Amino acid sequence: MEIRTMEFVEKEVENTLYHCIDLKIEEDYIAMGQLFAKVLALLQQYRLISPTLQVIIQPEQCLTETRILLESLQEAQRRHVSRRKLLTHRQILNVWLRKNQHYQREILPGFF
């Protein structure tokens, strides 16, 4: 994948992440799921993931936030298989948010 494409995807993923953090704070889970579904569609469009949400490329080949998102998707899938439950956007998003340093250090402590 070319560098400009990777940078575009990274910017979209990063913008989505921060918007999702704001929506989580507001507890607007429907909008958060819809926004997250759009970023997953973007990843499918650029052939980073398959339509079944399987990661196609090595996450290490991507820029930071995109790499974290792909790793979160893989981790959520591993948890899904062990629990034998339906994998949802919200589960993937929660893993992704927990892996984000800004969310861990600044947002999450405010919930407690």
PDB file of N, CA and C in Angstrom:
ATOM      1  N   MET A   1       0.858  -1.177   0.000  1.00  0.00           N
ATOM      2  CA  MET A   1       0.000   0.000   0.000  1.00  0.00           C
ATOM      3  C   MET A   1       0.901   1.236   0.000  1.00  0.00           C
ATOM      4  N   GLU A   2       0.530   2.212  -0.770  1.00  0.00           N
ATOM      5  CA  GLU A   2       1.387   3.394  -0.869  1.00  0.00           C
ATOM      6  C   GLU A   2       1.260   4.284   0.361  1.00  0.00           C
ATOM      7  N   ILE A   3       2.255   5.119   0.555  1.00  0.00           N
ATOM      8  CA  ILE A   3       2.372   5.932   1.768  1.00  0.00           C
ATOM      9  C   ILE A   3       1.220   6.914   1.914  1.00  0.00           C
ATOM     10  N   ARG A   4       0.806   7.571   0.825  1.00  0.00           N
ATOM     11  CA  ARG A   4      -0.303   8.535   0.923  1.00  0.00           C
ATOM     12  C   ARG A   4      -1.592   7.856   1.346  1.00  0.00           C
ATOM     13  N   THR A   5      -1.815   6.668   0.839  1.00  0.00           N
ATOM     14  CA  THR A   5      -3.016   5.920   1.215  1.00  0.00           C
ATOM     15  C   THR A   5      -2.966   5.563   2.691  1.00  0.00           C
ATOM     16  N   MET A   6      -1.801   5.089   3.146  1.00  0.00           N
ATOM     17  CA  MET A   6      -1.648   4.729   4.558  1.00  0.00           C
ATOM     18  C   MET A   6      -1.866   5.947   5.459  1.00  0.00           C
ATOM     19  N   GLU A   7      -1.352   7.095   5.044  1.00  0.00           N
ATOM     20  CA  GLU A   7      -1.532   8.317   5.826  1.00  0.00           C
ATOM     21  C   GLU A   7      -2.997   8.741   5.859  1.00  0.00           C
ATOM     22  N   PHE A   8      -3.696   8.601   4.734  1.00  0.00           N
ATOM     23  CA  PHE A   8      -5.120   8.933   4.688  1.00  0.00           C
ATOM     24  C   PHE A   8      -5.907   8.020   5.630  1.00  0.00           C
ATOM     25  N   VAL A   9      -5.642   6.723   5.545  1.00  0.00           N
ATOM     26  CA  VAL A   9      -6.335   5.760   6.407  1.00  0.00           C
ATOM     27  C   VAL A   9      -6.024   6.065   7.873  1.00  0.00           C
ATOM     28  N   GLU A  10      -4.765   6.356   8.181  1.00  0.00           N
ATOM     29  CA  GLU A  10      -4.366   6.669   9.555  1.00  0.00           C
ATOM     30  C   GLU A  10      -5.115   7.894  10.074  1.00  0.00           C
ATOM     31  N   LYS A  11      -5.214   8.927   9.247  1.00  0.00           N
ATOM     32  CA  LYS A  11      -5.919  10.150   9.663  1.00  0.00           C
ATOM     33  C   LYS A  11      -7.396   9.860   9.939  1.00  0.00           C
ATOM     34  N   GLU A  12      -8.028   9.087   9.067  1.00  0.00           N
ATOM     35  CA  GLU A  12      -9.438   8.735   9.256  1.00  0.00           C
ATOM     36  C   GLU A  12      -9.640   7.894  10.525  1.00  0.00           C
ATOM     37  N   VAL A  13      -8.748   6.947  10.740  1.00  0.00           N
ATOM     38  CA  VAL A  13      -8.842   6.095  11.928  1.00  0.00           C
ATOM     39  C   VAL A  13      -8.657   6.938  13.185  1.00  0.00           C
ATOM     40  N   GLU A  14      -7.675   7.821  13.170  1.00  0.00           N
ATOM     41  CA  GLU A  14      -7.410   8.671  14.331  1.00  0.00           C
ATOM     42  C   GLU A  14      -8.592   9.604  14.612  1.00  0.00           C
ATOM     43  N   ASN A  15      -9.146  10.234  13.580  1.00  0.00           N
ATOM     44  CA  ASN A  15     -10.316  11.103  13.765  1.00  0.00           C
ATOM     45  C   ASN A  15     -11.497  10.318  14.330  1.00  0.00           C
ATOM     46  N   THR A  16     -11.696   9.114  13.818  1.00  0.00           N
ATOM     47  CA  THR A  16     -12.779   8.267  14.307  1.00  0.00           C
ATOM     48  C   THR A  16     -12.569   7.912  15.770  1.00  0.00           C
ATOM     49  N   LEU A  17     -11.331   7.595  16.122  1.00  0.00           N
ATOM     50  CA  LEU A  17     -11.020   7.243  17.508  1.00  0.00           C
ATOM     51  C   LEU A  17     -11.410   8.370  18.459  1.00  0.00           C
ATOM     52  N   TYR A  18     -10.971   9.589  18.160  1.00  0.00           N
ATOM     53  CA  TYR A  18     -11.264  10.704  19.060  1.00  0.00           C
ATOM     54  C   TYR A  18     -12.756  11.034  19.087  1.00  0.00           C
ATOM     55  N   HIS A  19     -13.412  10.883  17.959  1.00  0.00           N
ATOM     56  CA  HIS A  19     -14.856  11.111  17.940  1.00  0.00           C
ATOM     57  C   HIS A  19     -15.563  10.022  18.759  1.00  0.00           C
ATOM     58  N   CYS A  20     -15.093   8.783  18.651  1.00  0.00           N
ATOM     59  CA  CYS A  20     -15.684   7.683  19.426  1.00  0.00           C
ATOM     60  C   CYS A  20     -15.476   7.880  20.924  1.00  0.00           C
ATOM     61  N   ILE A  21     -14.318   8.428  21.299  1.00  0.00           N
ATOM     62  CA  ILE A  21     -14.071   8.720  22.707  1.00  0.00           C
ATOM     63  C   ILE A  21     -15.098   9.724  23.207  1.00  0.00           C
ATOM     64  N   ASP A  22     -15.333  10.778  22.412  1.00  0.00           N
ATOM     65  CA  ASP A  22     -16.340  11.779  22.802  1.00  0.00           C
ATOM     66  C   ASP A  22     -17.725  11.146  22.913  1.00  0.00           C
ATOM     67  N   LEU A  23     -18.080  10.284  21.968  1.00  0.00           N
ATOM     68  CA  LEU A  23     -19.391   9.634  21.999  1.00  0.00           C
ATOM     69  C   LEU A  23     -19.513   8.672  23.180  1.00  0.00           C
ATOM     70  N   LYS A  24     -18.419   8.022  23.552  1.00  0.00           N
ATOM     71  CA  LYS A  24     -18.458   7.126  24.705  1.00  0.00           C
ATOM     72  C   LYS A  24     -18.702   7.934  25.977  1.00  0.00           C
ATOM     73  N   ILE A  25     -18.055   9.074  26.090  1.00  0.00           N
ATOM     74  CA  ILE A  25     -18.264   9.946  27.250  1.00  0.00           C
ATOM     75  C   ILE A  25     -19.722  10.371  27.325  1.00  0.00           C
ATOM     76  N   GLU A  26     -20.303  10.688  26.172  1.00  0.00           N
ATOM     77  CA  GLU A  26     -21.706  11.103  26.112  1.00  0.00           C
ATOM     78  C   GLU A  26     -22.665   9.912  26.200  1.00  0.00           C
ATOM     79  N   GLU A  27     -22.108   8.694  26.188  1.00  0.00           N
ATOM     80  CA  GLU A  27     -22.880   7.455  26.226  1.00  0.00           C
ATOM     81  C   GLU A  27     -23.835   7.338  25.038  1.00  0.00           C
ATOM     82  N   ASP A  28     -23.396   7.824  23.888  1.00  0.00           N
ATOM     83  CA  ASP A  28     -24.164   7.717  22.655  1.00  0.00           C
ATOM     84  C   ASP A  28     -23.654   6.505  21.871  1.00  0.00           C
ATOM     85  N   TYR A  29     -24.035   5.324  22.333  1.00  0.00           N
ATOM     86  CA  TYR A  29     -23.492   4.085  21.800  1.00  0.00           C
ATOM     87  C   TYR A  29     -23.974   3.783  20.381  1.00  0.00           C
ATOM     88  N   ILE A  30     -25.140   4.260  20.027  1.00  0.00           N
ATOM     89  CA  ILE A  30     -25.647   4.025  18.671  1.00  0.00           C
ATOM     90  C   ILE A  30     -24.797   4.792  17.661  1.00  0.00           C
ATOM     91  N   ALA A  31     -24.573   6.073  17.908  1.00  0.00           N
ATOM     92  CA  ALA A  31     -23.741   6.875  17.004  1.00  0.00           C
ATOM     93  C   ALA A  31     -22.311   6.343  16.974  1.00  0.00           C
ATOM     94  N   MET A  32     -21.826   5.905  18.128  1.00  0.00           N
ATOM     95  CA  MET A  32     -20.480   5.363  18.210  1.00  0.00           C
ATOM     96  C   MET A  32     -20.362   4.111  17.337  1.00  0.00           C
ATOM     97  N   GLY A  33     -21.328   3.234  17.395  1.00  0.00           N
ATOM     98  CA  GLY A  33     -21.320   2.023  16.575  1.00  0.00           C
ATOM     99  C   GLY A  33     -21.405   2.328  15.091  1.00  0.00           C
ATOM    100  N   GLN A  34     -22.218   3.317  14.735  1.00  0.00           N
ATOM    101  CA  GLN A  34     -22.349   3.702  13.327  1.00  0.00           C
ATOM    102  C   GLN A  34     -21.052   4.293  12.788  1.00  0.00           C
ATOM    103  N   LEU A  35     -20.417   5.146  13.580  1.00  0.00           N
ATOM    104  CA  LEU A  35     -19.155   5.747  13.178  1.00  0.00           C
ATOM    105  C   LEU A  35     -18.067   4.689  13.053  1.00  0.00           C
ATOM    106  N   PHE A  36     -18.058   3.762  13.986  1.00  0.00           N
ATOM    107  CA  PHE A  36     -17.060   2.700  13.967  1.00  0.00           C
ATOM    108  C   PHE A  36     -17.283   1.772  12.780  1.00  0.00           C
ATOM    109  N   ALA A  37     -18.530   1.522  12.424  1.00  0.00           N
ATOM    110  CA  ALA A  37     -18.831   0.687  11.250  1.00  0.00           C
ATOM    111  C   ALA A  37     -18.279   1.342   9.983  1.00  0.00           C
ATOM    112  N   LYS A  38     -18.317   2.670   9.915  1.00  0.00           N
ATOM    113  CA  LYS A  38     -17.779   3.376   8.754  1.00  0.00           C
ATOM    114  C   LYS A  38     -16.274   3.199   8.642  1.00  0.00           C
ATOM    115  N   VAL A  39     -15.575   3.237   9.769  1.00  0.00           N
ATOM    116  CA  VAL A  39     -14.117   3.061   9.707  1.00  0.00           C
ATOM    117  C   VAL A  39     -13.774   1.620   9.345  1.00  0.00           C
ATOM    118  N   LEU A  40     -14.575   0.664   9.784  1.00  0.00           N
ATOM    119  CA  LEU A  40     -14.337  -0.722   9.378  1.00  0.00           C
ATOM    120  C   LEU A  40     -14.561  -0.880   7.871  1.00  0.00           C
ATOM    121  N   ALA A  41     -15.567  -0.194   7.344  1.00  0.00           N
ATOM    122  CA  ALA A  41     -15.808  -0.228   5.895  1.00  0.00           C
ATOM    123  C   ALA A  41     -14.631   0.390   5.143  1.00  0.00           C
ATOM    124  N   LEU A  42     -14.043   1.442   5.695  1.00  0.00           N
ATOM    125  CA  LEU A  42     -12.865   2.059   5.087  1.00  0.00           C
ATOM    126  C   LEU A  42     -11.701   1.067   5.056  1.00  0.00           C
ATOM    127  N   LEU A  43     -11.514   0.352   6.148  1.00  0.00           N
ATOM    128  CA  LEU A  43     -10.445  -0.653   6.190  1.00  0.00           C
ATOM    129  C   LEU A  43     -10.701  -1.759   5.165  1.00  0.00           C
ATOM    130  N   GLN A  44     -11.959  -2.119   4.971  1.00  0.00           N
ATOM    131  CA  GLN A  44     -12.297  -3.113   3.950  1.00  0.00           C
ATOM    132  C   GLN A  44     -12.021  -2.560   2.552  1.00  0.00           C
ATOM    133  N   GLN A  45     -12.371  -1.315   2.337  1.00  0.00           N
ATOM    134  CA  GLN A  45     -12.177  -0.682   1.031  1.00  0.00           C
ATOM    135  C   GLN A  45     -10.701  -0.685   0.630  1.00  0.00           C
ATOM    136  N   TYR A  46      -9.818  -0.440   1.578  1.00  0.00           N
ATOM    137  CA  TYR A  46      -8.386  -0.410   1.284  1.00  0.00           C
ATOM    138  C   TYR A  46      -7.723  -1.771   1.503  1.00  0.00           C
ATOM    139  N   ARG A  47      -8.532  -2.790   1.639  1.00  0.00           N
ATOM    140  CA  ARG A  47      -8.089  -4.184   1.734  1.00  0.00           C
ATOM    141  C   ARG A  47      -7.131  -4.445   2.896  1.00  0.00           C
ATOM    142  N   LEU A  48      -7.452  -3.831   4.043  1.00  0.00           N
ATOM    143  CA  LEU A  48      -6.707  -4.126   5.264  1.00  0.00           C
ATOM    144  C   LEU A  48      -7.397  -5.244   6.034  1.00  0.00           C
ATOM    145  N   ILE A  49      -8.735  -5.316   5.871  1.00  0.00           N
ATOM    146  CA  ILE A  49      -9.514  -6.392   6.485  1.00  0.00           C
ATOM    147  C   ILE A  49     -10.483  -6.947   5.448  1.00  0.00           C
ATOM    148  N   SER A  50     -10.922  -8.160   5.682  1.00  0.00           N
ATOM    149  CA  SER A  50     -11.880  -8.794   4.774  1.00  0.00           C
ATOM    150  C   SER A  50     -13.302  -8.432   5.195  1.00  0.00           C
ATOM    151  N   PRO A  51     -14.300  -8.743   4.364  1.00  0.00           N
ATOM    152  CA  PRO A  51     -15.692  -8.484   4.755  1.00  0.00           C
ATOM    153  C   PRO A  51     -16.116  -9.248   6.022  1.00  0.00           C
ATOM    154  N   THR A  52     -15.394 -10.311   6.357  1.00  0.00           N
ATOM    155  CA  THR A  52     -15.694 -11.056   7.584  1.00  0.00           C
ATOM    156  C   THR A  52     -14.865 -10.561   8.768  1.00  0.00           C
ATOM    157  N   LEU A  53     -14.248  -9.390   8.601  1.00  0.00           N
ATOM    158  CA  LEU A  53     -13.437  -8.727   9.621  1.00  0.00           C
ATOM    159  C   LEU A  53     -12.143  -9.470   9.974  1.00  0.00           C
ATOM    160  N   GLN A  54     -11.642 -10.262   9.055  1.00  0.00           N
ATOM    161  CA  GLN A  54     -10.348 -10.906   9.238  1.00  0.00           C
ATOM    162  C   GLN A  54      -9.266  -9.947   8.758  1.00  0.00           C
ATOM    163  N   VAL A  55      -8.214  -9.779   9.555  1.00  0.00           N
ATOM    164  CA  VAL A  55      -7.123  -8.890   9.178  1.00  0.00           C
ATOM    165  C   VAL A  55      -6.331  -9.545   8.053  1.00  0.00           C
ATOM    166  N   ILE A  56      -6.169  -8.821   6.939  1.00  0.00           N
ATOM    167  CA  ILE A  56      -5.513  -9.357   5.751  1.00  0.00           C
ATOM    168  C   ILE A  56      -4.011  -9.086   5.768  1.00  0.00           C
ATOM    169  N   ILE A  57      -3.607  -7.909   6.241  1.00  0.00           N
ATOM    170  CA  ILE A  57      -2.186  -7.573   6.234  1.00  0.00           C
ATOM    171  C   ILE A  57      -1.634  -7.654   7.653  1.00  0.00           C
ATOM    172  N   GLN A  58      -0.334  -7.606   7.768  1.00  0.00           N
ATOM    173  CA  GLN A  58       0.300  -7.585   9.079  1.00  0.00           C
ATOM    174  C   GLN A  58       0.105  -6.199   9.692  1.00  0.00           C
ATOM    175  N   PRO A  59      -0.431  -6.113  10.906  1.00  0.00           N
ATOM    176  CA  PRO A  59      -0.649  -4.804  11.522  1.00  0.00           C
ATOM    177  C   PRO A  59       0.626  -3.964  11.641  1.00  0.00           C
ATOM    178  N   GLU A  60       1.782  -4.617  11.757  1.00  0.00           N
ATOM    179  CA  GLU A  60       3.049  -3.897  11.902  1.00  0.00           C
ATOM    180  C   GLU A  60       3.378  -3.059  10.667  1.00  0.00           C
ATOM    181  N   GLN A  61       2.739  -3.333   9.552  1.00  0.00           N
ATOM    182  CA  GLN A  61       2.977  -2.580   8.323  1.00  0.00           C
ATOM    183  C   GLN A  61       2.240  -1.245   8.314  1.00  0.00           C
ATOM    184  N   CYS A  62       1.364  -1.033   9.275  1.00  0.00           N
ATOM    185  CA  CYS A  62       0.520   0.165   9.301  1.00  0.00           C
ATOM    186  C   CYS A  62       1.057   1.195  10.289  1.00  0.00           C
ATOM    187  N   LEU A  63       0.527   2.399  10.176  1.00  0.00           N
ATOM    188  CA  LEU A  63       0.877   3.463  11.110  1.00  0.00           C
ATOM    189  C   LEU A  63       0.190   3.207  12.455  1.00  0.00           C
ATOM    190  N   THR A  64       0.529   3.962  13.459  1.00  0.00           N
ATOM    191  CA  THR A  64       0.201   3.678  14.854  1.00  0.00           C
ATOM    192  C   THR A  64      -1.264   3.362  15.139  1.00  0.00           C
ATOM    193  N   GLU A  65      -2.180   4.286  14.904  1.00  0.00           N
ATOM    194  CA  GLU A  65      -3.579   4.064  15.278  1.00  0.00           C
ATOM    195  C   GLU A  65      -4.213   2.952  14.454  1.00  0.00           C
ATOM    196  N   THR A  66      -3.844   2.864  13.192  1.00  0.00           N
ATOM    197  CA  THR A  66      -4.376   1.794  12.350  1.00  0.00           C
ATOM    198  C   THR A  66      -3.860   0.447  12.842  1.00  0.00           C
ATOM    199  N   ARG A  67      -2.588   0.398  13.224  1.00  0.00           N
ATOM    200  CA  ARG A  67      -2.006  -0.836  13.767  1.00  0.00           C
ATOM    201  C   ARG A  67      -2.730  -1.256  15.039  1.00  0.00           C
ATOM    202  N   ILE A  68      -2.960  -0.300  15.921  1.00  0.00           N
ATOM    203  CA  ILE A  68      -3.658  -0.603  17.173  1.00  0.00           C
ATOM    204  C   ILE A  68      -5.073  -1.102  16.889  1.00  0.00           C
ATOM    205  N   LEU A  69      -5.754  -0.492  15.924  1.00  0.00           N
ATOM    206  CA  LEU A  69      -7.105  -0.929  15.574  1.00  0.00           C
ATOM    207  C   LEU A  69      -7.093  -2.361  15.044  1.00  0.00           C
ATOM    208  N   LEU A  70      -6.155  -2.671  14.154  1.00  0.00           N
ATOM    209  CA  LEU A  70      -6.079  -4.020  13.598  1.00  0.00           C
ATOM    210  C   LEU A  70      -5.734  -5.043  14.685  1.00  0.00           C
ATOM    211  N   GLU A  71      -4.829  -4.688  15.583  1.00  0.00           N
ATOM    212  CA  GLU A  71      -4.494  -5.586  16.693  1.00  0.00           C
ATOM    213  C   GLU A  71      -5.698  -5.768  17.621  1.00  0.00           C
ATOM    214  N   SER A  72      -6.459  -4.707  17.824  1.00  0.00           N
ATOM    215  CA  SER A  72      -7.664  -4.791  18.655  1.00  0.00           C
ATOM    216  C   SER A  72      -8.698  -5.709  18.027  1.00  0.00           C
ATOM    217  N   LEU A  73      -8.818  -5.617  16.720  1.00  0.00           N
ATOM    218  CA  LEU A  73      -9.741  -6.489  15.998  1.00  0.00           C
ATOM    219  C   LEU A  73      -9.329  -7.952  16.175  1.00  0.00           C
ATOM    220  N   GLN A  74      -8.049  -8.222  16.043  1.00  0.00           N
ATOM    221  CA  GLN A  74      -7.563  -9.591  16.230  1.00  0.00           C
ATOM    222  C   GLN A  74      -7.810 -10.079  17.660  1.00  0.00           C
ATOM    223  N   GLU A  75      -7.546  -9.223  18.639  1.00  0.00           N
ATOM    224  CA  GLU A  75      -7.753  -9.600  20.041  1.00  0.00           C
ATOM    225  C   GLU A  75      -9.229  -9.841  20.335  1.00  0.00           C
ATOM    226  N   ALA A  76     -10.093  -8.977  19.816  1.00  0.00           N
ATOM    227  CA  ALA A  76     -11.534  -9.147  20.026  1.00  0.00           C
ATOM    228  C   ALA A  76     -12.013 -10.451  19.393  1.00  0.00           C
ATOM    229  N   GLN A  77     -11.452 -10.806  18.253  1.00  0.00           N
ATOM    230  CA  GLN A  77     -11.833 -12.062  17.605  1.00  0.00           C
ATOM    231  C   GLN A  77     -11.392 -13.266  18.442  1.00  0.00           C
ATOM    232  N   ARG A  78     -10.212 -13.200  19.031  1.00  0.00           N
ATOM    233  CA  ARG A  78      -9.754 -14.299  19.895  1.00  0.00           C
ATOM    234  C   ARG A  78     -10.677 -14.454  21.097  1.00  0.00           C
ATOM    235  N   ARG A  79     -11.068 -13.341  21.702  1.00  0.00           N
ATOM    236  CA  ARG A  79     -11.989 -13.389  22.856  1.00  0.00           C
ATOM    237  C   ARG A  79     -13.344 -13.935  22.436  1.00  0.00           C
ATOM    238  N   HIS A  80     -13.798 -13.513  21.261  1.00  0.00           N
ATOM    239  CA  HIS A  80     -15.097 -13.940  20.732  1.00  0.00           C
ATOM    240  C   HIS A  80     -15.143 -15.454  20.590  1.00  0.00           C
ATOM    241  N   VAL A  81     -14.105 -16.040  20.040  1.00  0.00           N
ATOM    242  CA  VAL A  81     -14.070 -17.489  19.827  1.00  0.00           C
ATOM    243  C   VAL A  81     -14.086 -18.229  21.153  1.00  0.00           C
ATOM    244  N   SER A  82     -13.333 -17.719  22.128  1.00  0.00           N
ATOM    245  CA  SER A  82     -13.277 -18.417  23.410  1.00  0.00           C
ATOM    246  C   SER A  82     -14.600 -18.320  24.174  1.00  0.00           C
ATOM    247  N   ARG A  83     -15.369 -17.273  23.937  1.00  0.00           N
ATOM    248  CA  ARG A  83     -16.655 -17.104  24.639  1.00  0.00           C
ATOM    249  C   ARG A  83     -17.845 -17.595  23.828  1.00  0.00           C
ATOM    250  N   ARG A  84     -17.609 -17.923  22.560  1.00  0.00           N
ATOM    251  CA  ARG A  84     -18.653 -18.424  21.660  1.00  0.00           C
ATOM    252  C   ARG A  84     -19.851 -17.482  21.574  1.00  0.00           C
ATOM    253  N   LYS A  85     -19.559 -16.207  21.476  1.00  0.00           N
ATOM    254  CA  LYS A  85     -20.610 -15.206  21.346  1.00  0.00           C
ATOM    255  C   LYS A  85     -20.410 -14.426  20.053  1.00  0.00           C
ATOM    256  N   LEU A  86     -21.437 -13.707  19.658  1.00  0.00           N
ATOM    257  CA  LEU A  86     -21.388 -12.881  18.464  1.00  0.00           C
ATOM    258  C   LEU A  86     -20.435 -11.703  18.683  1.00  0.00           C
ATOM    259  N   LEU A  87     -19.507 -11.500  17.755  1.00  0.00           N
ATOM    260  CA  LEU A  87     -18.571 -10.385  17.833  1.00  0.00           C
ATOM    261  C   LEU A  87     -19.284  -9.117  17.369  1.00  0.00           C
ATOM    262  N   THR A  88     -19.246  -8.076  18.188  1.00  0.00           N
ATOM    263  CA  THR A  88     -19.925  -6.829  17.846  1.00  0.00           C
ATOM    264  C   THR A  88     -18.918  -5.699  17.670  1.00  0.00           C
ATOM    265  N   HIS A  89     -19.349  -4.645  16.986  1.00  0.00           N
ATOM    266  CA  HIS A  89     -18.512  -3.464  16.814  1.00  0.00           C
ATOM    267  C   HIS A  89     -18.125  -2.905  18.174  1.00  0.00           C
ATOM    268  N   ARG A  90     -19.051  -2.950  19.097  1.00  0.00           N
ATOM    269  CA  ARG A  90     -18.798  -2.372  20.419  1.00  0.00           C
ATOM    270  C   ARG A  90     -17.685  -3.116  21.147  1.00  0.00           C
ATOM    271  N   GLN A  91     -17.624  -4.433  21.006  1.00  0.00           N
ATOM    272  CA  GLN A  91     -16.556  -5.197  21.632  1.00  0.00           C
ATOM    273  C   GLN A  91     -15.207  -4.817  21.045  1.00  0.00           C
ATOM    274  N   ILE A  92     -15.138  -4.708  19.721  1.00  0.00           N
ATOM    275  CA  ILE A  92     -13.888  -4.321  19.055  1.00  0.00           C
ATOM    276  C   ILE A  92     -13.499  -2.917  19.490  1.00  0.00           C
ATOM    277  N   LEU A  93     -14.466  -2.019  19.521  1.00  0.00           N
ATOM    278  CA  LEU A  93     -14.208  -0.639  19.898  1.00  0.00           C
ATOM    279  C   LEU A  93     -13.703  -0.542  21.335  1.00  0.00           C
ATOM    280  N   ASN A  94     -14.269  -1.304  22.243  1.00  0.00           N
ATOM    281  CA  ASN A  94     -13.813  -1.272  23.632  1.00  0.00           C
ATOM    282  C   ASN A  94     -12.368  -1.743  23.763  1.00  0.00           C
ATOM    283  N   VAL A  95     -11.999  -2.768  23.027  1.00  0.00           N
ATOM    284  CA  VAL A  95     -10.602  -3.223  23.043  1.00  0.00           C
ATOM    285  C   VAL A  95      -9.701  -2.124  22.490  1.00  0.00           C
ATOM    286  N   TRP A  96     -10.129  -1.511  21.385  1.00  0.00           N
ATOM    287  CA  TRP A  96      -9.354  -0.449  20.746  1.00  0.00           C
ATOM    288  C   TRP A  96      -9.167   0.739  21.691  1.00  0.00           C
ATOM    289  N   LEU A  97     -10.229   1.129  22.368  1.00  0.00           N
ATOM    290  CA  LEU A  97     -10.131   2.252  23.294  1.00  0.00           C
ATOM    291  C   LEU A  97      -9.183   1.934  24.449  1.00  0.00           C
ATOM    292  N   ARG A  98      -9.249   0.715  24.958  1.00  0.00           N
ATOM    293  CA  ARG A  98      -8.350   0.336  26.064  1.00  0.00           C
ATOM    294  C   ARG A  98      -6.888   0.355  25.640  1.00  0.00           C
ATOM    295  N   LYS A  99      -6.613   0.113  24.371  1.00  0.00           N
ATOM    296  CA  LYS A  99      -5.233   0.118  23.887  1.00  0.00           C
ATOM    297  C   LYS A  99      -4.728   1.533  23.601  1.00  0.00           C
ATOM    298  N   ASN A 100      -5.599   2.517  23.527  1.00  0.00           N
ATOM    299  CA  ASN A 100      -5.209   3.883  23.213  1.00  0.00           C
ATOM    300  C   ASN A 100      -4.692   4.595  24.462  1.00  0.00           C
ATOM    301  N   GLN A 101      -3.489   5.147  24.383  1.00  0.00           N
ATOM    302  CA  GLN A 101      -2.850   5.792  25.531  1.00  0.00           C
ATOM    303  C   GLN A 101      -3.624   7.019  26.027  1.00  0.00           C
ATOM    304  N   HIS A 102      -4.101   7.858  25.111  1.00  0.00           N
ATOM    305  CA  HIS A 102      -4.854   9.053  25.503  1.00  0.00           C
ATOM    306  C   HIS A 102      -6.106   8.655  26.295  1.00  0.00           C
ATOM    307  N   TYR A 103      -6.795   7.663  25.810  1.00  0.00           N
ATOM    308  CA  TYR A 103      -8.006   7.199  26.490  1.00  0.00           C
ATOM    309  C   TYR A 103      -7.665   6.640  27.862  1.00  0.00           C
ATOM    310  N   GLN A 104      -6.613   5.831  27.963  1.00  0.00           N
ATOM    311  CA  GLN A 104      -6.226   5.211  29.233  1.00  0.00           C
ATOM    312  C   GLN A 104      -5.815   6.245  30.271  1.00  0.00           C
ATOM    313  N   ARG A 105      -5.048   7.221  29.853  1.00  0.00           N
ATOM    314  CA  ARG A 105      -4.468   8.175  30.804  1.00  0.00           C
ATOM    315  C   ARG A 105      -5.379   9.339  31.156  1.00  0.00           C
ATOM    316  N   GLU A 106      -6.185   9.796  30.198  1.00  0.00           N
ATOM    317  CA  GLU A 106      -6.949  11.008  30.431  1.00  0.00           C
ATOM    318  C   GLU A 106      -8.454  10.790  30.574  1.00  0.00           C
ATOM    319  N   ILE A 107      -9.015   9.902  29.813  1.00  0.00           N
ATOM    320  CA  ILE A 107     -10.478   9.741  29.794  1.00  0.00           C
ATOM    321  C   ILE A 107     -10.941   8.701  30.799  1.00  0.00           C
ATOM    322  N   LEU A 108     -10.360   7.520  30.738  1.00  0.00           N
ATOM    323  CA  LEU A 108     -10.813   6.409  31.570  1.00  0.00           C
ATOM    324  C   LEU A 108     -10.780   6.714  33.077  1.00  0.00           C
ATOM    325  N   PRO A 109      -9.740   7.348  33.615  1.00  0.00           N
ATOM    326  CA  PRO A 109      -9.755   7.649  35.057  1.00  0.00           C
ATOM    327  C   PRO A 109     -10.927   8.538  35.482  1.00  0.00           C
ATOM    328  N   GLY A 110     -11.456   9.317  34.560  1.00  0.00           N
ATOM    329  CA  GLY A 110     -12.595  10.179  34.870  1.00  0.00           C
ATOM    330  C   GLY A 110     -13.886   9.408  35.108  1.00  0.00           C
ATOM    331  N   PHE A 111     -13.944   8.151  34.670  1.00  0.00           N
ATOM    332  CA  PHE A 111     -15.141   7.339  34.863  1.00  0.00           C
ATOM    333  C   PHE A 111     -15.227   6.794  36.285  1.00  0.00           C
ATOM    334  N   PHE A 112     -14.118   6.849  37.020  1.00  0.00           N
ATOM    335  CA  PHE A 112     -14.104   6.240  38.364  1.00  0.00           C
ATOM    336  C   PHE A 112     -14.019   7.262  39.452  1.00  0.00           C
TER     337      PHE A 112
END
